[in-house]
Structures are given as structure tokens and as C-alpha cells.
Amino acid sequence: MASSTSSTPSPNPIVTSNGSGGGSGPPSAGASGQTSNNSSANAGQQQTSGANNPANDTPVSSERIASWITELLSSTTRENALMELSRKREKVVDLAVLLWHSFGSVAVLLHEVISVYPYITPPTLTAQQSNRVCNALALLQCIASHPETRSLFIQANIPLFLYPFLNTKSSTRPFEYLRLTSLGVIGALVKTDETEVINFLLTTEIIPLSLRIMQSGSELSKTVATFILQKILADDCGLNYICQTFDRFSHVAMVLGRMVLQQQKEASGRLLKHIIRCYLRLSDNARAREALRSCLPDCLKDHTFDAILKEDQSTKKWLSQLLLNLETPVTANASNSQQGTSGNNIVSQQAQPASPLGMG
């Protein structure tokens, strides 16, 4: 197997978007490109991506693309083909369609993914192995992003093959980049604000996996994971799902609260933006809004983050709207009625964590 070099492209976990469901997506960041002699780089820093390499601006013929796709089928030429296709993926508009309909290509990409499972536990994944599988993940992200293949992608349950990577705990660079690139595939799915995608993800473990990374990942991984949660909440099905039981809501609120407190120590404007958007969307649900009045961190209510948000007028507006939503109390009669209907209010359920919220 060829040795890993710094020329390996860095798949972009997510492309900045302006989707109606939650504003701009988190910035793209490298997910491979690590080398054994470059250990001083921080896992959360943005790496030089293959798409930004001047050499990748050279037009590629359709014949060359077809040749690389064919080379995926051979174990002797696969690693180089993965690297070249990953580098050129943003230059070939219909690469996703070509990959999906080419014999054996998707099977090869999934083989690359599952081939590193044995190195997850115990955590022995090397930088070279991480580079290679991240190139395969970049091509899966390409398929997840394309409107003609996105639905086919989720119908084949391909995202489930990535969840073992999201469930890893090792903080070493190879594992951090593996998680980050895997998050990028999910981020590519949710950024289009399609209910079909959200409904699929709600049948999987993506919410607890994202919440886990939001607590323990690098800043960039936390940002992408929070973006995914934000996009799930932006869909009515996602909001209703999370607010359906006290356990789900309390877990989300607890993680967001811890992240806000952490922001007081290590502030990140882009991460704080997505946290606030999550809170704002939760406040659209009447039951969640009642609970947030008592559990929203105080540092979001005062001027703690004024300096961070000074240049971010959009986030300041969202925070102001959140506080305004929470300042509007329900009427006394409505409040009494809610408390008298089998304890369906989130706040009243704290003694019965598993009881339903009673969505209205």
C-alpha cells in the first residue's frame, strides 16, 4: 500500500449553505490530509482541501474520470483512484451520478468504509488508513449532496455504515478526521432541508450521536454536529420528535446548556450561532418554551456574549428573538389547564422522565 503523503486531499465535511432551515452551514474543513510528520496541526483547524489546490483547477476529461472510476474496481489502483476522484469531485458536476450508476463503485466505497471497522476497537487506526477511508467518505458525501442520488443514498441506508465512526471516542488525529468527515456526509444530507431526509434520520441514532460529539468533539466537529441538530429541529417532524418526550427534550437542553457554559471559557462565534439557532427553534414549541423559561442559561440572558456577537448582527437578532419568545408568558387559565391535563407539560414531568409531552 502506498504511503500517506501531504498531497492527500481533505474532504470538506460540509459546504457553506444558506438554507431556510437554519442559516449558513458551518465552514468547510479538512477531514484527511493528515501526515505522520505533521502532528503539530490542531484537529479543529481548517486544512488545505484538495479543491483549493491550484493543480485541481486543471480541467479533467470525461475519459479520465471514467478511467479512475474503473480503477476503483482493482485493489492495486484503488487508492490512487480514490485520491484523484476526491480531489476532482467539485469539478465534475455529475460525478455522483456516474459513481452511483457505475458497476461496483458504491460497493467499493462501502468496502473501504467497513474495512477499517476492525481498527476502531481497540483504536489502532493509522493516519494512512484514515486518509484513505476519508477519500471514500468524500465521494459518498458527493453522492449524498447530489439531488439525483440523495434519495437513493438514504433508501440504501448508506448513512448507517458511518455511525460506527461517529461513535468513536479516541481523540487522536486519525479518529477526529474520520468523525469530522463522517459528520460531513450527514451534513450534506440535512443542508437541503428535505423532510424525507429528516424522517430517515429520525429512525436512526443520529441525534444521540450528534449530542455526544457536541459535548466531547473538537470545535469543528461540535460545530458540524450542532448544525445537524439545528437542521433536524428546523423541520417540523424533527422538532416534534425531540419535544415528544421529556427524556429527549431534557437531553438536548442539557447538552446545549453545557455548551453555552463552555462558551464562556472558550468562545466560538460560529458554534454559538448554531447553539442559539437550536434554542430559538425549540422555543417555537409551546411545551419546550415553558421549560426553557426555567432552564435557559443565564449567560444568554445578560450581556456575556456581546463582544463575540458584536459583528454578527444575524445571531444577535436570533438571540433577541429567543429572549422575546421566552418573555411572553401563557395566560393563567391556559397554564392551569395544561397542568391539569395528565401532567403533559415538560416542566411538570421532571418526576416522570418517560411520560409524553402531549404534542398540541
Protein backbone atom coordinates (compact mmCIF):
# COMPACT_ATOMS: atom_id res chain seq x y z
CA MET A 1 0.00 0.00 0.00
CA ALA A 2 1.37 3.39 -0.91
CA SER A 3 2.50 5.60 1.95
CA SER A 4 0.40 8.56 3.07
CA THR A 5 1.56 11.93 1.83
CA SER A 6 0.53 15.54 2.37
CA SER A 7 -0.90 15.58 -1.14
CA THR A 8 -3.88 13.55 0.02
CA PRO A 9 -6.94 15.76 -0.40
CA SER A 10 -9.02 16.89 2.52
CA PRO A 11 -12.71 16.14 2.08
CA ASN A 12 -14.92 19.05 3.03
CA PRO A 13 -17.39 17.96 5.70
CA ILE A 14 -19.96 20.49 4.66
CA VAL A 15 -20.36 23.21 2.11
CA THR A 16 -21.49 26.56 3.43
CA SER A 17 -25.16 26.98 2.71
CA ASN A 18 -27.92 29.45 3.29
CA GLY A 19 -30.75 27.00 3.72
CA SER A 20 -34.01 28.36 5.01
CA GLY A 21 -33.97 25.93 7.87
CA GLY A 22 -31.07 27.41 9.77
CA GLY A 23 -28.85 29.93 8.08
CA SER A 24 -25.32 29.31 6.90
CA GLY A 25 -23.80 25.94 7.40
CA PRO A 26 -20.53 25.58 9.27
CA PRO A 27 -17.38 26.30 7.29
CA SER A 28 -15.77 23.52 5.32
CA ALA A 29 -12.78 21.91 6.93
CA GLY A 30 -10.26 19.27 6.11
CA ALA A 31 -11.02 15.75 7.13
CA SER A 32 -7.97 13.90 5.95
CA GLY A 33 -4.72 15.36 4.73
CA GLN A 34 -3.00 14.39 7.97
CA THR A 35 0.53 13.06 7.88
CA SER A 36 2.68 11.39 10.45
CA ASN A 37 5.17 14.28 10.36
CA ASN A 38 2.55 16.98 10.80
CA SER A 39 1.37 16.21 14.30
CA SER A 40 1.54 19.85 15.43
CA ALA A 41 -1.59 20.79 13.49
CA ASN A 42 -4.73 21.11 15.59
CA ALA A 43 -7.58 18.74 14.74
CA GLY A 44 -10.03 21.62 14.71
CA GLN A 45 -8.06 23.81 12.32
CA GLN A 46 -9.16 24.18 8.72
CA GLN A 47 -6.87 22.18 6.49
CA THR A 48 -5.94 22.85 2.90
CA SER A 49 -8.51 20.98 0.87
CA GLY A 50 -7.92 19.27 -2.41
CA ALA A 51 -10.48 21.58 -4.01
CA ASN A 52 -8.28 24.57 -3.14
CA ASN A 53 -5.17 23.11 -4.70
CA PRO A 54 -4.26 25.07 -7.88
CA ALA A 55 -3.40 21.78 -9.55
CA ASN A 56 -7.04 20.80 -9.27
CA ASP A 57 -8.17 23.73 -11.40
CA THR A 58 -6.96 21.90 -14.47
CA PRO A 59 -9.94 20.59 -16.47
CA VAL A 60 -10.37 16.84 -16.38
CA SER A 61 -11.60 14.92 -19.39
CA SER A 62 -14.60 12.63 -19.08
CA GLU A 63 -12.38 9.81 -20.28
CA ARG A 64 -10.00 10.35 -17.35
CA ILE A 65 -12.87 10.40 -14.86
CA ALA A 66 -14.23 7.19 -16.36
CA SER A 67 -10.78 5.62 -16.12
CA TRP A 68 -10.46 6.48 -12.41
CA ILE A 69 -13.93 5.07 -11.72
CA THR A 70 -12.93 1.86 -13.46
CA GLU A 71 -9.71 1.76 -11.45
CA LEU A 72 -11.77 1.67 -8.24
CA LEU A 73 -12.56 -1.95 -9.01
CA SER A 74 -8.92 -3.05 -8.76
CA SER A 75 -7.24 -3.24 -5.37
CA THR A 76 -3.91 -2.27 -6.94
CA THR A 77 -5.18 1.01 -8.45
CA ARG A 78 -7.97 1.84 -6.00
CA GLU A 79 -6.09 4.03 -3.53
CA ASN A 80 -4.83 6.40 -6.22
CA ALA A 81 -8.25 6.46 -7.91
CA LEU A 82 -9.93 7.36 -4.61
CA MET A 83 -7.49 10.19 -4.11
CA GLU A 84 -7.84 11.59 -7.63
CA LEU A 85 -11.64 11.39 -7.69
CA SER A 86 -11.81 13.02 -4.26
CA ARG A 87 -9.59 15.85 -5.48
CA LYS A 88 -11.70 16.44 -8.56
CA ARG A 89 -15.15 15.86 -7.11
CA GLU A 90 -16.10 19.54 -7.06
CA LYS A 91 -15.01 19.96 -10.68
CA VAL A 92 -17.18 17.19 -12.09
CA VAL A 93 -20.84 18.18 -11.85
CA ASP A 94 -22.33 14.72 -12.31
CA LEU A 95 -19.66 12.68 -10.57
CA ALA A 96 -22.25 11.45 -8.05
CA VAL A 97 -24.46 10.11 -10.83
CA LEU A 98 -21.52 8.45 -12.54
CA LEU A 99 -20.43 6.78 -9.32
CA TRP A 100 -23.90 5.60 -8.41
CA HIS A 101 -24.62 4.02 -11.78
CA SER A 102 -21.16 2.59 -12.42
CA PHE A 103 -20.89 -1.13 -11.76
CA GLY A 104 -19.42 -1.88 -8.34
CA SER A 105 -18.41 1.70 -7.47
CA VAL A 106 -20.69 2.20 -4.45
CA ALA A 107 -19.92 -1.33 -3.23
CA VAL A 108 -16.22 -0.47 -3.38
CA LEU A 109 -16.75 2.72 -1.37
CA LEU A 110 -18.69 0.78 1.29
CA HIS A 111 -15.94 -1.86 1.33
CA GLU A 112 -13.41 0.89 2.07
CA VAL A 113 -15.62 2.05 4.95
CA ILE A 114 -16.16 -1.33 6.60
CA SER A 115 -12.55 -2.40 6.06
CA VAL A 116 -11.44 -0.06 8.88
CA TYR A 117 -14.05 -1.28 11.39
CA PRO A 118 -11.54 -3.71 13.00
CA TYR A 119 -9.26 -0.75 13.78
CA ILE A 120 -11.91 1.14 15.73
CA THR A 121 -11.83 -1.11 18.81
CA PRO A 122 -9.20 -1.07 20.06
CA PRO A 123 -8.38 2.30 18.46
CA THR A 124 -5.44 1.46 16.20
CA LEU A 125 -6.40 3.41 13.07
CA THR A 126 -3.36 4.96 11.38
CA ALA A 127 -3.12 8.27 9.54
CA GLN A 128 -2.72 6.45 6.23
CA GLN A 129 -5.83 4.35 6.82
CA SER A 130 -7.76 7.44 7.89
CA ASN A 131 -6.68 9.32 4.76
CA ARG A 132 -7.84 6.52 2.52
CA VAL A 133 -11.25 6.00 4.10
CA CYS A 134 -11.80 9.77 4.26
CA ASN A 135 -11.31 9.91 0.48
CA ALA A 136 -14.01 7.25 0.14
CA LEU A 137 -16.25 9.21 2.51
CA ALA A 138 -15.72 12.34 0.43
CA LEU A 139 -17.12 10.51 -2.58
CA LEU A 140 -20.07 9.28 -0.51
CA GLN A 141 -20.66 12.89 0.51
CA CYS A 142 -20.65 13.79 -3.17
CA ILE A 143 -23.43 11.25 -3.73
CA ALA A 144 -25.34 12.49 -0.67
CA SER A 145 -25.18 16.07 -1.97
CA HIS A 146 -26.48 15.44 -5.49
CA PRO A 147 -30.26 15.86 -6.00
CA GLU A 148 -30.43 12.85 -8.33
CA THR A 149 -28.73 10.44 -5.93
CA ARG A 150 -29.61 11.78 -2.48
CA SER A 151 -32.89 9.87 -2.18
CA LEU A 152 -31.29 6.68 -3.48
CA PHE A 153 -28.48 7.18 -0.97
CA ILE A 154 -30.80 7.14 2.04
CA GLN A 155 -33.06 4.42 0.61
CA ALA A 156 -29.97 2.20 0.59
CA ASN A 157 -29.36 3.06 4.28
CA ILE A 158 -25.79 4.07 3.48
CA PRO A 159 -25.53 6.64 6.33
CA LEU A 160 -25.81 3.77 8.82
CA PHE A 161 -22.39 2.49 7.70
CA LEU A 162 -20.87 5.73 9.03
CA TYR A 163 -22.35 5.61 12.52
CA PRO A 164 -19.59 3.39 13.98
CA PHE A 165 -17.17 6.22 13.14
CA LEU A 166 -19.37 8.79 14.89
CA ASN A 167 -19.45 6.56 17.95
CA THR A 168 -15.67 6.51 18.41
CA LYS A 169 -14.09 8.15 21.45
CA SER A 170 -10.40 8.40 20.55
CA SER A 171 -9.17 11.98 20.29
CA THR A 172 -6.21 11.19 18.04
CA ARG A 173 -5.99 12.95 14.69
CA PRO A 174 -6.92 9.95 12.52
CA PHE A 175 -10.11 9.39 14.51
CA GLU A 176 -11.01 13.06 14.75
CA TYR A 177 -10.75 13.47 10.98
CA LEU A 178 -12.75 10.29 10.49
CA ARG A 179 -15.56 11.62 12.68
CA LEU A 180 -15.42 15.02 11.05
CA THR A 181 -15.66 13.66 7.52
CA SER A 182 -18.47 11.29 8.52
CA LEU A 183 -20.36 14.23 10.02
CA GLY A 184 -19.84 15.99 6.70
CA VAL A 185 -21.75 13.28 4.87
CA ILE A 186 -24.72 13.70 7.23
CA GLY A 187 -24.38 17.47 6.99
CA ALA A 188 -24.59 17.24 3.21
CA LEU A 189 -27.88 15.39 3.58
CA VAL A 190 -29.56 17.78 6.02
CA LYS A 191 -28.50 21.08 4.49
CA THR A 192 -31.10 20.75 1.73
CA ASP A 193 -33.98 20.90 4.24
CA GLU A 194 -35.81 17.89 2.81
CA THR A 195 -38.40 16.21 5.05
CA GLU A 196 -37.60 12.82 3.50
CA VAL A 197 -34.04 13.11 4.81
CA ILE A 198 -35.13 14.22 8.28
CA ASN A 199 -37.69 11.42 8.55
CA PHE A 200 -34.99 8.90 7.63
CA LEU A 201 -32.52 10.28 10.18
CA LEU A 202 -35.16 10.23 12.93
CA THR A 203 -35.35 6.45 12.54
CA THR A 204 -31.62 6.20 13.27
CA GLU A 205 -29.31 7.12 16.14
CA ILE A 206 -28.06 10.38 14.64
CA ILE A 207 -29.45 12.62 17.41
CA PRO A 208 -27.71 10.88 20.35
CA LEU A 209 -24.54 10.51 18.28
CA SER A 210 -24.57 14.22 17.43
CA LEU A 211 -25.25 15.17 21.05
CA ARG A 212 -22.30 13.08 22.15
CA ILE A 213 -19.95 14.80 19.71
CA MET A 214 -21.36 18.20 20.71
CA GLN A 215 -20.05 17.52 24.20
CA SER A 216 -16.68 15.92 23.53
CA GLY A 217 -15.51 16.63 19.97
CA SER A 218 -13.16 19.25 18.61
CA GLU A 219 -14.57 22.72 18.00
CA LEU A 220 -15.12 21.97 14.31
CA SER A 221 -16.77 18.61 14.99
CA LYS A 222 -19.00 20.26 17.60
CA THR A 223 -19.95 22.92 15.07
CA VAL A 224 -20.94 20.43 12.36
CA ALA A 225 -22.80 18.20 14.86
CA THR A 226 -24.71 21.22 16.21
CA PHE A 227 -25.52 22.26 12.64
CA ILE A 228 -27.00 18.80 12.03
CA LEU A 229 -29.16 19.09 15.16
CA GLN A 230 -30.22 22.59 14.09
CA LYS A 231 -31.33 21.31 10.69
CA ILE A 232 -33.27 18.44 12.26
CA LEU A 233 -35.03 20.90 14.55
CA ALA A 234 -35.78 23.21 11.62
CA ASP A 235 -38.10 20.55 10.20
CA ASP A 236 -41.47 20.25 11.97
CA CYS A 237 -41.08 16.48 12.17
CA GLY A 238 -37.72 16.88 13.87
CA LEU A 239 -38.97 19.49 16.33
CA ASN A 240 -41.99 17.38 17.24
CA TYR A 241 -39.83 14.28 17.66
CA ILE A 242 -37.42 15.95 20.08
CA CYS A 243 -40.21 17.61 22.06
CA GLN A 244 -42.38 14.48 22.19
CA THR A 245 -40.91 13.15 25.44
CA PHE A 246 -39.23 14.71 28.43
CA ASP A 247 -36.18 12.46 28.04
CA ARG A 248 -35.48 13.66 24.51
CA PHE A 249 -36.01 17.33 25.27
CA SER A 250 -34.07 17.27 28.53
CA HIS A 251 -31.09 15.54 26.89
CA VAL A 252 -30.93 18.16 24.14
CA ALA A 253 -31.43 21.04 26.58
CA MET A 254 -28.78 19.66 28.94
CA VAL A 255 -26.17 19.35 26.17
CA LEU A 256 -26.93 22.81 24.78
CA GLY A 257 -26.71 24.25 28.28
CA ARG A 258 -23.31 22.69 28.89
CA MET A 259 -22.08 24.00 25.57
CA VAL A 260 -23.19 27.53 26.42
CA LEU A 261 -21.33 27.38 29.73
CA GLN A 262 -18.26 26.12 27.88
CA GLN A 263 -18.56 29.08 25.52
CA GLN A 264 -17.92 31.36 28.48
CA LYS A 265 -14.45 29.83 28.75
CA GLU A 266 -13.64 29.18 25.08
CA ALA A 267 -15.86 31.32 22.90
CA SER A 268 -16.50 30.44 19.25
CA GLY A 269 -18.83 32.71 17.33
CA ARG A 270 -19.71 30.14 14.68
CA LEU A 271 -20.54 27.45 17.25
CA LEU A 272 -22.51 29.86 19.42
CA LYS A 273 -24.56 30.83 16.36
CA HIS A 274 -25.78 27.27 15.85
CA ILE A 275 -26.46 26.80 19.57
CA ILE A 276 -28.66 29.89 19.60
CA ARG A 277 -30.49 28.72 16.47
CA CYS A 278 -31.25 25.41 18.21
CA TYR A 279 -32.66 27.22 21.24
CA LEU A 280 -34.67 29.57 19.05
CA ARG A 281 -36.25 26.71 17.15
CA LEU A 282 -37.07 24.85 20.39
CA SER A 283 -38.87 27.99 21.58
CA ASP A 284 -41.33 27.55 18.70
CA ASN A 285 -42.80 24.59 20.58
CA ALA A 286 -45.18 25.65 23.37
CA ARG A 287 -44.15 22.90 25.81
CA ALA A 288 -40.45 23.40 25.18
CA ARG A 289 -40.85 27.16 25.52
CA GLU A 290 -42.28 26.74 29.01
CA ALA A 291 -39.34 24.55 30.01
CA LEU A 292 -36.76 26.90 28.51
CA ARG A 293 -38.02 29.74 30.68
CA SER A 294 -36.53 27.92 33.64
CA CYS A 295 -33.52 26.18 32.11
CA LEU A 296 -32.05 28.65 29.60
CA PRO A 297 -28.52 29.55 30.80
CA ASP A 298 -28.33 32.98 32.44
CA CYS A 299 -25.33 33.95 30.33
CA LEU A 300 -27.62 34.03 27.29
CA LYS A 301 -29.93 36.43 29.10
CA ASP A 302 -27.32 39.01 30.09
CA HIS A 303 -24.55 40.63 28.03
CA THR A 304 -21.95 37.87 28.42
CA PHE A 305 -21.56 37.29 24.68
CA ASP A 306 -21.94 40.86 23.45
CA ALA A 307 -18.28 41.06 22.40
CA ILE A 308 -18.46 37.80 20.44
CA LEU A 309 -21.67 38.76 18.67
CA LYS A 310 -20.68 42.36 18.05
CA GLU A 311 -20.08 41.83 14.33
CA ASP A 312 -22.74 39.13 13.87
CA GLN A 313 -25.99 41.00 13.51
CA SER A 314 -27.94 37.93 12.43
CA THR A 315 -27.06 35.94 15.54
CA LYS A 316 -27.78 38.95 17.75
CA LYS A 317 -31.20 39.17 16.16
CA TRP A 318 -31.84 35.46 16.72
CA LEU A 319 -30.82 35.75 20.38
CA SER A 320 -33.09 38.75 20.86
CA GLN A 321 -35.96 36.84 19.28
CA LEU A 322 -35.30 33.87 21.56
CA LEU A 323 -35.43 36.04 24.66
CA LEU A 324 -38.56 37.75 23.38
CA ASN A 325 -40.23 34.38 22.84
CA LEU A 326 -39.43 33.34 26.39
CA GLU A 327 -40.66 36.62 27.87
CA THR A 328 -44.21 36.04 26.61
CA PRO A 329 -45.98 34.01 29.33
CA VAL A 330 -49.01 31.82 28.77
CA THR A 331 -52.27 33.04 30.30
CA ALA A 332 -53.16 31.88 33.80
CA ASN A 333 -56.13 29.86 32.58
CA ALA A 334 -54.09 28.17 29.87
CA SER A 335 -51.33 27.42 32.36
CA ASN A 336 -53.76 25.87 34.85
CA SER A 337 -55.39 23.87 32.09
CA GLN A 338 -52.04 22.49 30.93
CA GLN A 339 -51.05 21.48 34.46
CA GLY A 340 -54.38 19.74 34.95
CA THR A 341 -54.24 17.56 31.84
CA SER A 342 -52.36 14.43 32.91
CA GLY A 343 -49.02 16.23 33.52
CA ASN A 344 -48.13 16.78 29.89
CA ASN A 345 -46.08 19.93 30.49
CA ILE A 346 -42.31 19.38 30.21
CA VAL A 347 -41.60 21.17 33.49
CA SER A 348 -44.15 19.07 35.38
CA GLN A 349 -42.67 15.86 34.00
CA GLN A 350 -39.36 16.06 35.80
CA ALA A 351 -40.59 13.46 38.28
CA GLN A 352 -41.75 11.26 35.38
CA PRO A 353 -38.99 11.42 32.73
CA ALA A 354 -40.58 8.92 30.38
CA SER A 355 -44.03 10.48 30.12
CA PRO A 356 -45.06 12.10 26.80
CA LEU A 357 -45.27 15.85 26.28
CA GLY A 358 -48.68 15.69 24.66
CA MET A 359 -47.91 17.49 21.43
CA GLY A 360 -50.58 20.02 20.51
